[in-house]
Every structure is written in structure tokens, then in C-alpha cells.
């Protein structure tokens, strides 16, 4: 029973409920602290509202300047993009030209080496055919 009343008193003190005359004396001490906290919170809310509205007004006034700044930034970006794409295309064309030249040179060298190889084979074939003709004609000439 005593524990139950102590729990009730703790509960009452915690939540500012006055059950006895003794607690009524304590209540005014707790309540102003809550009021001060609430007032402080209201002041902070009001300050944040004022700050927010002043920021909105600043944004509205600087919006026109921001548009011109943004336009100039966009134009500068577009100019840099077109310039860089032109330079890229020029470099790409130059690289393609160099690659084509190298490929043509390689093809010509391959053709020359292939022609030389064919000439050597033809020469070897001629020599081989010549020796066969000689071997064929000599025994035939002897038999006739």
C-alpha cells in the first residue's frame, strides 16, 4: 500500500499533477519551466519562419540575376562543348587519315612482297620445268 502511494506520487510529480497540498507547492516550480520551454520553442519557430520568408524574398529578388547568370553559363558550356566536339572531330579525322595512309602503305608493301614471292616461285617453276624438259627430251631423243 505504501509502495502504491509512492508510485502514485512519483507519477503525479513526473507529469505535474497535484494530488496533495505539498505537491501543489511544487507544481508552480515545474510549470514555469514547461512554459519557458514552450515559449522558447515558439520563439525558435517564429525565427525560422522569419528566416524562411526572408530567404524566399532574397530568392525572388536574386532570381532575375540568377537567370542571366545561368544563361551566360549555359552559353559558355555550349561554346565549350561545340569547340571540344570540333577539336575531337578534327583529331578523329586526322587519326583516320593517318590510319588509312598506314594501311595503304602496308598493303603496298604486302603486294610488293607477294609479287616478289610469286616471281621467285615462277623462277623456281621455270627452272624445274626446264630440268624436266631436258630430262624428258634426252631419253626420248635416244630412243628415236
Protein backbone atom coordinates (compact mmCIF):
# COMPACT_ATOMS: atom_id res chain seq x y z
CA UNK A 1 0.00 0.00 0.00
CA UNK A 2 2.80 2.38 0.85
CA UNK A 3 4.59 1.46 -2.34
CA UNK A 4 1.46 2.09 -4.31
CA UNK A 5 1.07 5.61 -2.90
CA UNK A 6 4.74 6.34 -3.55
CA UNK A 7 4.30 5.24 -7.16
CA UNK A 8 1.27 7.48 -7.49
CA UNK A 9 3.17 10.41 -6.04
CA UNK A 10 6.11 9.83 -8.41
CA UNK A 11 3.71 9.62 -11.30
CA UNK A 12 1.99 12.81 -10.22
CA UNK A 13 5.27 14.67 -9.83
CA UNK A 14 6.55 13.42 -13.15
CA UNK A 15 3.51 14.63 -15.06
CA UNK A 16 2.75 17.73 -12.95
CA UNK A 17 -0.48 16.51 -11.38
CA UNK A 18 -1.16 17.94 -7.93
CA UNK A 19 -2.67 15.39 -5.53
CA UNK A 20 -1.70 16.89 -2.21
CA UNK A 21 -1.03 20.34 -0.82
CA UNK A 22 2.65 19.57 -0.69
CA UNK A 23 2.68 18.80 -4.37
CA UNK A 24 0.72 21.94 -5.15
CA UNK A 25 3.65 23.93 -3.85
CA UNK A 26 5.99 22.03 -6.16
CA UNK A 27 3.78 22.38 -9.22
CA UNK A 28 4.41 26.09 -9.84
CA UNK A 29 8.13 25.36 -9.98
CA UNK A 30 7.69 22.71 -12.67
CA UNK A 31 5.07 24.56 -14.74
CA UNK A 32 7.14 27.71 -15.43
CA UNK A 33 9.93 25.55 -16.75
CA UNK A 34 7.48 23.93 -19.16
CA UNK A 35 6.07 27.33 -20.11
CA UNK A 36 9.56 28.69 -20.70
CA UNK A 37 10.44 25.71 -22.86
CA UNK A 38 7.22 26.15 -24.82
CA UNK A 39 7.82 29.88 -25.25
CA UNK A 40 11.39 29.21 -26.30
CA UNK A 41 10.17 26.71 -28.87
CA UNK A 42 7.60 29.23 -30.18
CA UNK A 43 10.33 31.87 -30.48
CA UNK A 44 12.56 29.48 -32.41
CA UNK A 45 9.67 28.57 -34.70
CA UNK A 46 8.93 32.23 -35.34
CA UNK A 47 12.61 32.94 -36.06
CA UNK A 48 12.76 30.05 -38.50
CA UNK A 49 9.57 31.30 -40.22
CA UNK A 50 11.03 34.80 -40.49
CA UNK A 51 14.30 33.38 -41.78
CA UNK A 52 12.47 31.22 -44.31
CA UNK A 53 10.36 34.14 -45.59
CA UNK A 54 13.42 36.39 -45.83
CA UNK A 55 15.23 33.67 -47.76
CA UNK A 56 12.22 33.39 -50.07
CA UNK A 57 12.27 37.14 -50.68
CA UNK A 58 16.01 37.04 -51.31
CA UNK A 59 15.49 34.23 -53.78
CA UNK A 60 12.77 36.17 -55.57
CA UNK A 61 14.94 39.27 -55.87
CA UNK A 62 18.01 37.37 -56.99
CA UNK A 63 16.03 35.12 -59.32
CA UNK A 64 16.33 37.60 -62.18
CA UNK A 65 20.09 37.85 -61.73
CA UNK A 66 20.34 34.09 -61.48
CA UNK A 67 18.56 33.72 -64.81
CA UNK A 68 21.11 35.92 -66.57
CA UNK A 69 23.99 34.16 -64.85
CA UNK A 70 22.54 30.79 -65.81
CA UNK A 71 22.08 31.91 -69.40
CA UNK A 72 25.70 33.02 -69.60
CA UNK A 73 26.85 29.75 -68.01
CA UNK A 74 24.78 27.72 -70.46
CA UNK A 75 26.15 29.69 -73.39
CA UNK A 76 29.71 29.21 -72.16
CA UNK A 77 29.09 25.49 -71.68
CA UNK A 78 27.56 25.16 -75.15
CA UNK A 79 30.50 27.04 -76.66
CA UNK A 80 32.99 24.78 -74.89
CA UNK A 81 31.08 21.68 -75.95
CA UNK A 82 30.95 22.75 -79.60
CA UNK A 83 34.61 23.72 -79.52
CA UNK A 84 35.62 20.43 -77.93
CA UNK A 85 33.48 18.43 -80.37
CA UNK A 86 35.03 20.26 -83.31
CA UNK A 87 38.51 19.56 -81.95
CA UNK A 88 37.54 15.93 -81.35
CA UNK A 89 36.21 15.57 -84.89
CA UNK A 90 39.36 17.15 -86.32
CA UNK A 91 41.56 14.82 -84.27
CA UNK A 92 39.43 11.86 -85.27
CA UNK A 93 39.66 12.76 -88.97
CA UNK A 94 43.40 13.22 -88.65
CA UNK A 95 43.74 9.84 -86.94
CA UNK A 96 41.57 8.17 -89.61
CA UNK A 97 43.72 9.74 -92.33
CA UNK A 98 46.90 8.50 -90.68
CA UNK A 99 45.42 5.03 -90.25
CA UNK A 100 44.36 4.89 -93.91
CA UNK A 101 47.81 6.02 -95.03
CA UNK A 102 49.47 3.38 -92.87
CA UNK A 103 47.08 0.71 -94.17
CA UNK A 104 47.73 1.71 -97.78
CA UNK A 105 51.46 1.65 -97.20
CA UNK A 106 51.20 -1.77 -95.58
CA UNK A 107 49.06 -3.05 -98.45
CA UNK A 108 51.59 -1.79 -100.98
CA UNK A 109 54.43 -3.44 -99.08
CA UNK A 110 52.44 -6.67 -98.87
CA UNK A 111 51.67 -6.51 -102.58
CA UNK A 112 55.32 -5.95 -103.42
CA UNK A 113 56.46 -8.78 -101.19
CA UNK A 114 53.76 -11.04 -102.66
CA UNK A 115 54.80 -10.11 -106.21
CA UNK A 116 58.42 -10.80 -105.37
CA UNK A 117 57.42 -14.11 -103.82
CA UNK A 118 55.43 -15.02 -106.94
CA UNK A 119 58.36 -14.07 -109.16
CA UNK A 120 60.65 -16.32 -107.13
CA UNK A 121 58.16 -19.18 -107.34
CA UNK A 122 57.74 -18.66 -111.07
CA UNK A 123 61.50 -18.68 -111.50
CA UNK A 124 61.75 -21.88 -109.48
CA UNK A 125 58.92 -23.40 -111.51
CA UNK A 126 60.67 -22.40 -114.75
CA UNK A 127 63.90 -23.94 -113.59
CA UNK A 128 62.06 -27.09 -112.52
CA UNK A 129 60.14 -27.29 -115.78
CA UNK A 130 63.34 -26.66 -117.72
CA UNK A 131 65.12 -29.52 -116.00
CA UNK A 132 62.15 -31.81 -116.60
CA UNK A 133 62.02 -30.91 -120.25
CA UNK A 134 65.69 -31.63 -120.55
CA UNK A 135 65.34 -34.97 -118.79
CA UNK A 136 62.36 -35.90 -120.92
CA UNK A 137 63.88 -34.88 -124.22
CA UNK A 138 67.19 -36.58 -123.66
CA UNK A 139 65.87 -40.11 -123.12
CA UNK A 140 63.28 -39.71 -125.85
CA UNK A 141 65.88 -38.48 -128.24
CA UNK A 142 67.90 -41.53 -127.54
CA UNK A 143 65.05 -43.89 -128.15
CA UNK A 144 64.10 -42.46 -131.50
